[in-house]
């Protein structure tokens, strides 16, 4: 099962339809139906699907217009939800353990674009600050990501 199929399988209550979409609109959710533009790249489809499921999980009302602060905030929350769903801290630790060193390697691991990866890292920086400890690893979200395994303290 690929990443898109896996994500869809986690939300079987939603319907997924591939269709023609207006220019600049790769996806849209109405009620329990996610509409995805037919000709997206695999990475863009994965990113868009996560965002639309993020709207399902976090948003209320019609967000087609981002003219007001409430709609812009809901849009940001849904995008952040999607980024956290795809690019998890545990997944970043897995990349570290697999000795992935370039942004392209990490983006490929998550089936996203490098741009999306950096947007996710900026989101984590906004959420947790520049330095964050998680499960024995120190994440430094400064101009990308530096990840180190924390030293174990041995008491005598």
N, C-alpha and C. Protein backbone atom coordinates (compact mmCIF):
# COMPACT_ATOMS: atom_id res chain seq x y z
N UNK A 1 0.85 -1.18 0.00
CA UNK A 1 0.00 0.00 0.00
C UNK A 1 0.90 1.24 0.00
N UNK A 2 0.66 2.16 -0.92
CA UNK A 2 1.48 3.37 -0.96
C UNK A 2 0.99 4.40 0.07
N UNK A 3 1.70 5.51 0.18
CA UNK A 3 1.40 6.52 1.20
C UNK A 3 0.00 7.10 1.06
N UNK A 4 -0.43 7.34 -0.17
CA UNK A 4 -1.76 7.92 -0.40
C UNK A 4 -2.84 6.91 -0.02
N UNK A 5 -2.68 5.68 -0.45
CA UNK A 5 -3.65 4.63 -0.11
C UNK A 5 -3.71 4.42 1.40
N UNK A 6 -2.55 4.47 2.06
CA UNK A 6 -2.49 4.31 3.51
C UNK A 6 -3.27 5.43 4.20
N UNK A 7 -3.04 6.66 3.76
CA UNK A 7 -3.73 7.80 4.36
C UNK A 7 -5.23 7.70 4.14
N UNK A 8 -5.64 7.34 2.94
CA UNK A 8 -7.07 7.18 2.65
C UNK A 8 -7.68 6.07 3.50
N UNK A 9 -6.94 5.00 3.71
CA UNK A 9 -7.47 3.86 4.47
C UNK A 9 -7.70 4.21 5.94
N UNK A 10 -7.01 5.22 6.43
CA UNK A 10 -7.20 5.66 7.81
C UNK A 10 -8.51 6.45 7.98
N UNK A 11 -9.10 6.88 6.89
CA UNK A 11 -10.34 7.66 6.92
C UNK A 11 -11.34 7.06 5.94
N UNK A 12 -11.80 5.83 6.22
CA UNK A 12 -12.73 5.16 5.29
C UNK A 12 -14.10 5.82 5.23
N UNK A 13 -14.40 6.68 6.19
CA UNK A 13 -15.68 7.38 6.20
C UNK A 13 -15.73 8.47 5.13
N UNK A 14 -14.58 8.80 4.54
CA UNK A 14 -14.53 9.82 3.50
C UNK A 14 -14.57 9.16 2.12
N UNK A 15 -15.15 9.89 1.17
CA UNK A 15 -15.14 9.48 -0.24
C UNK A 15 -14.06 10.29 -0.94
N UNK A 16 -13.41 9.67 -1.91
CA UNK A 16 -12.31 10.32 -2.62
C UNK A 16 -12.62 10.31 -4.11
N UNK A 17 -12.66 11.50 -4.71
CA UNK A 17 -13.00 11.63 -6.13
C UNK A 17 -11.90 12.42 -6.84
N UNK A 18 -11.38 11.85 -7.91
CA UNK A 18 -10.41 12.54 -8.76
C UNK A 18 -11.18 13.20 -9.89
N UNK A 19 -10.96 14.50 -10.06
CA UNK A 19 -11.75 15.25 -11.03
C UNK A 19 -10.96 16.45 -11.54
N UNK A 20 -11.53 17.14 -12.50
CA UNK A 20 -10.96 18.42 -12.94
C UNK A 20 -11.29 19.46 -11.88
N UNK A 21 -10.33 20.29 -11.59
CA UNK A 21 -10.51 21.32 -10.57
C UNK A 21 -10.14 22.68 -11.17
N UNK A 22 -10.70 23.75 -10.60
CA UNK A 22 -10.31 25.09 -11.07
C UNK A 22 -8.81 25.31 -10.90
N UNK A 23 -8.25 26.12 -11.76
CA UNK A 23 -6.82 26.43 -11.71
C UNK A 23 -6.44 26.94 -10.32
N UNK A 24 -5.36 26.42 -9.78
CA UNK A 24 -4.89 26.86 -8.47
C UNK A 24 -5.55 26.17 -7.30
N UNK A 25 -6.46 25.24 -7.56
CA UNK A 25 -7.15 24.53 -6.48
C UNK A 25 -6.89 23.03 -6.64
N UNK A 26 -5.88 22.50 -5.94
CA UNK A 26 -5.56 21.08 -6.11
C UNK A 26 -6.51 20.13 -5.38
N UNK A 27 -7.22 20.65 -4.38
CA UNK A 27 -8.13 19.80 -3.63
C UNK A 27 -9.17 20.60 -2.89
N UNK A 28 -10.21 19.89 -2.47
CA UNK A 28 -11.34 20.52 -1.79
C UNK A 28 -12.11 19.43 -1.07
N UNK A 29 -12.61 19.73 0.11
CA UNK A 29 -13.48 18.78 0.80
C UNK A 29 -14.83 19.43 1.01
N UNK A 30 -15.87 18.71 0.66
CA UNK A 30 -17.24 19.15 0.89
C UNK A 30 -17.93 18.02 1.62
N UNK A 31 -18.40 18.32 2.82
CA UNK A 31 -18.98 17.30 3.68
C UNK A 31 -17.97 16.18 3.87
N UNK A 32 -18.29 14.98 3.39
CA UNK A 32 -17.38 13.85 3.56
C UNK A 32 -16.78 13.39 2.23
N UNK A 33 -16.69 14.30 1.27
CA UNK A 33 -16.11 13.96 -0.03
C UNK A 33 -14.89 14.84 -0.29
N UNK A 34 -13.76 14.18 -0.53
CA UNK A 34 -12.52 14.88 -0.88
C UNK A 34 -12.39 14.84 -2.39
N UNK A 35 -12.29 16.02 -2.99
CA UNK A 35 -12.09 16.14 -4.43
C UNK A 35 -10.61 16.48 -4.66
N UNK A 36 -9.97 15.69 -5.50
CA UNK A 36 -8.56 15.90 -5.81
C UNK A 36 -8.39 16.11 -7.30
N UNK A 37 -7.56 17.06 -7.65
CA UNK A 37 -7.26 17.33 -9.06
C UNK A 37 -6.61 16.10 -9.68
N UNK A 38 -7.05 15.75 -10.88
CA UNK A 38 -6.61 14.53 -11.56
C UNK A 38 -5.11 14.44 -11.80
N UNK A 39 -4.50 15.50 -12.26
CA UNK A 39 -3.14 15.41 -12.79
C UNK A 39 -2.06 15.96 -11.85
N UNK A 40 -2.23 15.77 -10.57
CA UNK A 40 -1.21 16.22 -9.62
C UNK A 40 -0.03 15.25 -9.62
N UNK A 41 1.14 15.75 -9.27
CA UNK A 41 2.26 14.84 -9.04
C UNK A 41 1.92 13.99 -7.82
N UNK A 42 2.60 12.88 -7.68
CA UNK A 42 2.35 12.01 -6.53
C UNK A 42 2.55 12.77 -5.21
N UNK A 43 3.64 13.54 -5.13
CA UNK A 43 3.93 14.28 -3.91
C UNK A 43 2.85 15.33 -3.63
N UNK A 44 2.45 16.08 -4.65
CA UNK A 44 1.44 17.12 -4.47
C UNK A 44 0.10 16.50 -4.08
N UNK A 45 -0.22 15.35 -4.65
CA UNK A 45 -1.47 14.66 -4.29
C UNK A 45 -1.43 14.25 -2.82
N UNK A 46 -0.30 13.73 -2.35
CA UNK A 46 -0.15 13.31 -0.96
C UNK A 46 -0.29 14.52 -0.02
N UNK A 47 0.38 15.61 -0.36
CA UNK A 47 0.32 16.83 0.45
C UNK A 47 -1.11 17.39 0.49
N UNK A 48 -1.76 17.42 -0.65
CA UNK A 48 -3.12 17.96 -0.75
C UNK A 48 -4.11 17.09 0.01
N UNK A 49 -3.99 15.79 -0.14
CA UNK A 49 -4.87 14.87 0.58
C UNK A 49 -4.76 15.08 2.08
N UNK A 50 -3.54 15.20 2.59
CA UNK A 50 -3.35 15.42 4.03
C UNK A 50 -4.01 16.72 4.48
N UNK A 51 -3.86 17.77 3.68
CA UNK A 51 -4.49 19.05 4.04
C UNK A 51 -6.00 18.95 4.04
N UNK A 52 -6.57 18.29 3.04
CA UNK A 52 -8.03 18.18 2.97
C UNK A 52 -8.57 17.34 4.12
N UNK A 53 -7.87 16.28 4.49
CA UNK A 53 -8.28 15.51 5.67
C UNK A 53 -8.12 16.37 6.92
N UNK A 54 -7.09 17.22 6.92
CA UNK A 54 -6.93 18.18 8.01
C UNK A 54 -8.13 19.10 8.15
N UNK A 55 -8.69 19.52 7.02
CA UNK A 55 -9.92 20.34 7.07
C UNK A 55 -11.06 19.52 7.67
N UNK A 56 -11.17 18.28 7.27
CA UNK A 56 -12.22 17.40 7.81
C UNK A 56 -12.09 17.29 9.33
N UNK A 57 -10.86 17.16 9.81
CA UNK A 57 -10.63 16.96 11.24
C UNK A 57 -10.72 18.25 12.06
N UNK A 58 -10.43 19.41 11.44
CA UNK A 58 -10.26 20.62 12.25
C UNK A 58 -11.14 21.81 11.88
N UNK A 59 -11.75 21.82 10.70
CA UNK A 59 -12.41 23.03 10.21
C UNK A 59 -13.93 22.93 10.26
N UNK A 60 -14.56 24.10 10.30
CA UNK A 60 -16.01 24.18 10.18
C UNK A 60 -16.35 25.31 9.22
N UNK A 61 -17.40 25.11 8.44
CA UNK A 61 -17.86 26.17 7.55
C UNK A 61 -17.18 26.16 6.20
N UNK A 62 -17.50 27.17 5.42
CA UNK A 62 -16.99 27.34 4.05
C UNK A 62 -15.72 28.17 4.09
N UNK A 63 -14.61 27.58 3.68
CA UNK A 63 -13.33 28.29 3.71
C UNK A 63 -12.85 28.68 2.32
N UNK A 64 -13.75 28.70 1.35
CA UNK A 64 -13.32 29.02 -0.02
C UNK A 64 -12.79 30.44 -0.13
N UNK A 65 -13.20 31.32 0.77
CA UNK A 65 -12.67 32.68 0.79
C UNK A 65 -11.78 32.85 2.01
N UNK A 66 -10.57 33.33 1.79
CA UNK A 66 -9.65 33.56 2.90
C UNK A 66 -9.57 35.04 3.24
N UNK A 67 -10.69 35.75 3.01
CA UNK A 67 -10.73 37.19 3.23
C UNK A 67 -10.83 37.59 4.70
N UNK A 68 -11.17 36.65 5.58
CA UNK A 68 -11.27 37.01 6.99
C UNK A 68 -10.31 36.18 7.83
N UNK A 69 -9.98 36.72 9.00
CA UNK A 69 -8.97 36.11 9.87
C UNK A 69 -9.37 34.72 10.34
N UNK A 70 -10.64 34.49 10.59
CA UNK A 70 -11.11 33.18 11.07
C UNK A 70 -10.84 32.11 10.02
N UNK A 71 -11.17 32.39 8.76
CA UNK A 71 -10.93 31.42 7.70
C UNK A 71 -9.44 31.17 7.48
N UNK A 72 -8.64 32.24 7.53
CA UNK A 72 -7.19 32.07 7.36
C UNK A 72 -6.60 31.22 8.48
N UNK A 73 -7.10 31.42 9.70
CA UNK A 73 -6.62 30.63 10.83
C UNK A 73 -7.00 29.16 10.66
N UNK A 74 -8.24 28.88 10.23
CA UNK A 74 -8.65 27.50 10.01
C UNK A 74 -7.84 26.85 8.90
N UNK A 75 -7.53 27.61 7.87
CA UNK A 75 -6.70 27.09 6.77
C UNK A 75 -5.32 26.71 7.29
N UNK A 76 -4.73 27.57 8.11
CA UNK A 76 -3.41 27.30 8.69
C UNK A 76 -3.45 26.07 9.58
N UNK A 77 -4.49 25.94 10.38
CA UNK A 77 -4.61 24.78 11.28
C UNK A 77 -4.71 23.49 10.48
N UNK A 78 -5.49 23.49 9.40
CA UNK A 78 -5.63 22.29 8.56
C UNK A 78 -4.32 21.95 7.87
N UNK A 79 -3.61 22.95 7.38
CA UNK A 79 -2.31 22.69 6.74
C UNK A 79 -1.32 22.12 7.75
N UNK A 80 -1.29 22.71 8.93
CA UNK A 80 -0.38 22.20 9.97
C UNK A 80 -0.75 20.77 10.37
N UNK A 81 -2.04 20.48 10.47
CA UNK A 81 -2.48 19.12 10.79
C UNK A 81 -1.96 18.15 9.74
N UNK A 82 -2.09 18.52 8.47
CA UNK A 82 -1.62 17.66 7.39
C UNK A 82 -0.12 17.46 7.43
N UNK A 83 0.61 18.53 7.70
CA UNK A 83 2.08 18.42 7.78
C UNK A 83 2.49 17.49 8.92
N UNK A 84 1.83 17.63 10.07
CA UNK A 84 2.16 16.77 11.20
C UNK A 84 1.74 15.32 10.97
N UNK A 85 0.70 15.13 10.20
CA UNK A 85 0.24 13.78 9.88
C UNK A 85 1.26 13.05 9.02
N UNK A 86 1.81 13.75 8.04
CA UNK A 86 2.75 13.12 7.11
C UNK A 86 4.17 13.10 7.68
N UNK A 87 4.65 14.25 8.11
CA UNK A 87 6.04 14.38 8.55
C UNK A 87 6.05 14.38 10.08
N UNK A 88 6.13 13.19 10.63
CA UNK A 88 6.08 13.03 12.08
C UNK A 88 7.49 13.13 12.68
N UNK A 89 7.54 13.44 13.95
CA UNK A 89 8.83 13.45 14.63
C UNK A 89 9.44 12.05 14.64
N UNK A 90 8.60 11.03 14.84
CA UNK A 90 9.10 9.65 14.79
C UNK A 90 9.66 9.33 13.41
N UNK A 91 9.02 9.82 12.37
CA UNK A 91 9.52 9.62 11.01
C UNK A 91 10.85 10.30 10.79
N UNK A 92 11.01 11.50 11.35
CA UNK A 92 12.30 12.20 11.24
C UNK A 92 13.40 11.44 11.98
N UNK A 93 13.05 10.84 13.11
CA UNK A 93 14.02 10.00 13.83
C UNK A 93 14.39 8.79 12.97
N UNK A 94 13.42 8.20 12.29
CA UNK A 94 13.71 7.07 11.39
C UNK A 94 14.68 7.50 10.29
N UNK A 95 14.48 8.68 9.73
CA UNK A 95 15.40 9.19 8.70
C UNK A 95 16.81 9.32 9.26
N UNK A 96 16.91 9.81 10.48
CA UNK A 96 18.22 9.94 11.14
C UNK A 96 18.87 8.57 11.29
N UNK A 97 18.10 7.59 11.76
CA UNK A 97 18.63 6.24 11.95
C UNK A 97 19.04 5.59 10.63
N UNK A 98 18.36 5.98 9.55
CA UNK A 98 18.69 5.45 8.22
C UNK A 98 19.81 6.25 7.54
N UNK A 99 20.40 7.18 8.29
CA UNK A 99 21.53 8.01 7.82
C UNK A 99 21.17 8.88 6.62
N UNK A 100 19.93 9.32 6.54
CA UNK A 100 19.53 10.25 5.49
C UNK A 100 20.05 11.62 5.86
N UNK A 101 20.74 12.26 4.94
CA UNK A 101 21.38 13.53 5.24
C UNK A 101 20.88 14.69 4.40
N UNK A 102 20.31 14.43 3.25
CA UNK A 102 19.88 15.54 2.40
C UNK A 102 18.37 15.75 2.52
N UNK A 103 17.96 16.98 2.25
CA UNK A 103 16.53 17.30 2.27
C UNK A 103 15.78 16.44 1.26
N UNK A 104 16.38 16.19 0.11
CA UNK A 104 15.71 15.38 -0.92
C UNK A 104 15.48 13.95 -0.43
N UNK A 105 16.46 13.37 0.25
CA UNK A 105 16.29 12.01 0.79
C UNK A 105 15.13 11.96 1.79
N UNK A 106 15.08 12.95 2.66
CA UNK A 106 14.03 12.98 3.68
C UNK A 106 12.67 13.22 3.03
N UNK A 107 12.60 14.15 2.09
CA UNK A 107 11.34 14.41 1.39
C UNK A 107 10.87 13.16 0.66
N UNK A 108 11.78 12.46 0.01
CA UNK A 108 11.41 11.22 -0.69
C UNK A 108 10.90 10.17 0.29
N UNK A 109 11.49 10.09 1.46
CA UNK A 109 11.06 9.14 2.49
C UNK A 109 9.59 9.36 2.85
N UNK A 110 9.19 10.63 2.94
CA UNK A 110 7.81 10.98 3.30
C UNK A 110 6.89 11.14 2.10
N UNK A 111 7.41 10.99 0.88
CA UNK A 111 6.63 11.17 -0.35
C UNK A 111 6.06 12.58 -0.46
N UNK A 112 6.92 13.57 -0.20
CA UNK A 112 6.53 14.98 -0.32
C UNK A 112 7.63 15.73 -1.05
N UNK A 113 7.34 16.97 -1.42
CA UNK A 113 8.35 17.83 -2.05
C UNK A 113 9.29 18.38 -0.97
N UNK A 114 10.46 18.82 -1.39
CA UNK A 114 11.40 19.45 -0.47
C UNK A 114 10.78 20.72 0.13
N UNK A 115 10.05 21.46 -0.69
CA UNK A 115 9.37 22.68 -0.21
C UNK A 115 8.42 22.35 0.94
N UNK A 116 7.63 21.30 0.78
CA UNK A 116 6.68 20.88 1.81
C UNK A 116 7.42 20.45 3.08
N UNK A 117 8.53 19.73 2.90
CA UNK A 117 9.35 19.31 4.05
C UNK A 117 9.79 20.53 4.84
N UNK A 118 10.32 21.55 4.16
CA UNK A 118 10.79 22.74 4.86
C UNK A 118 9.63 23.51 5.51
N UNK A 119 8.46 23.51 4.88
CA UNK A 119 7.28 24.13 5.50
C UNK A 119 6.92 23.39 6.78
N UNK A 120 7.03 22.08 6.77
CA UNK A 120 6.74 21.28 7.97
C UNK A 120 7.76 21.58 9.07
N UNK A 121 9.02 21.69 8.71
CA UNK A 121 10.05 22.00 9.71
C UNK A 121 9.84 23.38 10.30
N UNK A 122 9.43 24.35 9.47
CA UNK A 122 9.11 25.69 9.99
C UNK A 122 7.91 25.64 10.93
N UNK A 123 6.92 24.80 10.59
CA UNK A 123 5.75 24.64 11.45
C UNK A 123 6.16 24.07 12.80
N UNK A 124 7.02 23.06 12.81
CA UNK A 124 7.50 22.49 14.08
C UNK A 124 8.27 23.54 14.88
N UNK A 125 9.07 24.35 14.20
CA UNK A 125 9.80 25.43 14.87
C UNK A 125 8.84 26.41 15.53
N UNK A 126 7.78 26.76 14.82
CA UNK A 126 6.76 27.68 15.34
C UNK A 126 6.05 27.05 16.55
N UNK A 127 5.80 25.76 16.47
CA UNK A 127 5.04 25.06 17.51
C UNK A 127 5.88 24.75 18.76
N UNK A 128 7.13 24.29 18.55
CA UNK A 128 7.95 23.80 19.66
C UNK A 128 9.14 24.70 20.01
N UNK A 129 9.44 25.68 19.17
CA UNK A 129 10.63 26.49 19.38
C UNK A 129 11.80 25.94 18.59
N UNK A 130 12.94 26.60 18.68
CA UNK A 130 14.11 26.22 17.89
C UNK A 130 14.67 24.87 18.35
N UNK A 131 14.69 24.63 19.66
CA UNK A 131 15.25 23.38 20.20
C UNK A 131 14.14 22.63 20.92
N UNK A 132 14.02 21.34 20.60
CA UNK A 132 12.95 20.52 21.18
C UNK A 132 13.48 19.11 21.42
N UNK A 133 13.24 18.58 22.60
CA UNK A 133 13.63 17.20 22.92
C UNK A 133 12.42 16.29 22.84
N UNK A 134 12.64 15.13 22.22
CA UNK A 134 11.55 14.16 22.03
C UNK A 134 12.16 12.76 21.95
N UNK A 135 11.71 11.88 22.82
CA UNK A 135 12.12 10.47 22.82
C UNK A 135 13.63 10.26 22.75
N UNK A 136 14.35 11.05 23.49
CA UNK A 136 15.80 10.88 23.55
C UNK A 136 16.56 11.53 22.41
N UNK A 137 15.91 12.37 21.64
CA UNK A 137 16.55 13.07 20.52
C UNK A 137 16.33 14.57 20.68
N UNK A 138 17.34 15.34 20.29
CA UNK A 138 17.23 16.79 20.29
C UNK A 138 17.05 17.26 18.86
N UNK A 139 15.95 17.95 18.61
CA UNK A 139 15.64 18.53 17.31
C UNK A 139 16.02 20.00 17.36
N UNK A 140 16.80 20.45 16.41
CA UNK A 140 17.14 21.87 16.31
C UNK A 140 16.57 22.35 14.98
N UNK A 141 15.47 23.09 15.08
CA UNK A 141 14.76 23.58 13.89
C UNK A 141 15.28 24.96 13.52
N UNK A 142 16.50 25.03 13.03
CA UNK A 142 17.11 26.29 12.68
C UNK A 142 17.69 26.16 11.27
N UNK A 143 17.11 26.88 10.32
CA UNK A 143 17.51 26.77 8.91
C UNK A 143 17.45 25.32 8.45
N UNK A 144 16.33 24.67 8.73
CA UNK A 144 16.16 23.26 8.40
C UNK A 144 16.09 22.46 9.67
N UNK A 145 16.87 21.38 9.74
CA UNK A 145 16.81 20.51 10.91
C UNK A 145 18.18 19.94 11.21
N UNK A 146 18.55 20.01 12.47
CA UNK A 146 19.69 19.26 12.99
C UNK A 146 19.09 18.32 14.03
N UNK A 147 19.44 17.06 13.96
CA UNK A 147 18.88 16.06 14.87
C UNK A 147 20.02 15.29 15.50
N UNK A 148 20.01 15.21 16.81
CA UNK A 148 21.06 14.49 17.54
C UNK A 148 20.43 13.57 18.57
N UNK A 149 21.03 12.41 18.76
CA UNK A 149 20.61 11.51 19.83
C UNK A 149 21.21 12.07 21.11
N UNK A 150 20.36 12.19 22.14
CA UNK A 150 20.83 12.74 23.40
C UNK A 150 21.71 11.71 24.10
N UNK A 151 22.74 12.18 24.80
CA UNK A 151 23.62 11.28 25.56
C UNK A 151 22.87 10.73 26.75
N UNK A 152 23.14 9.49 27.03
CA UNK A 152 22.53 8.88 28.21
C UNK A 152 23.37 9.26 29.42
N UNK A 153 22.72 9.67 30.48
CA UNK A 153 23.41 10.03 31.71
C UNK A 153 23.53 8.79 32.57
N UNK A 154 24.74 8.48 32.97
CA UNK A 154 24.96 7.32 33.84
C UNK A 154 25.36 7.85 35.21
N UNK A 155 24.56 7.49 36.21
CA UNK A 155 24.85 7.94 37.56
C UNK A 155 25.65 6.88 38.29
N UNK A 156 26.64 7.33 39.08
CA UNK A 156 27.45 6.38 39.87
C UNK A 156 26.83 6.18 41.22
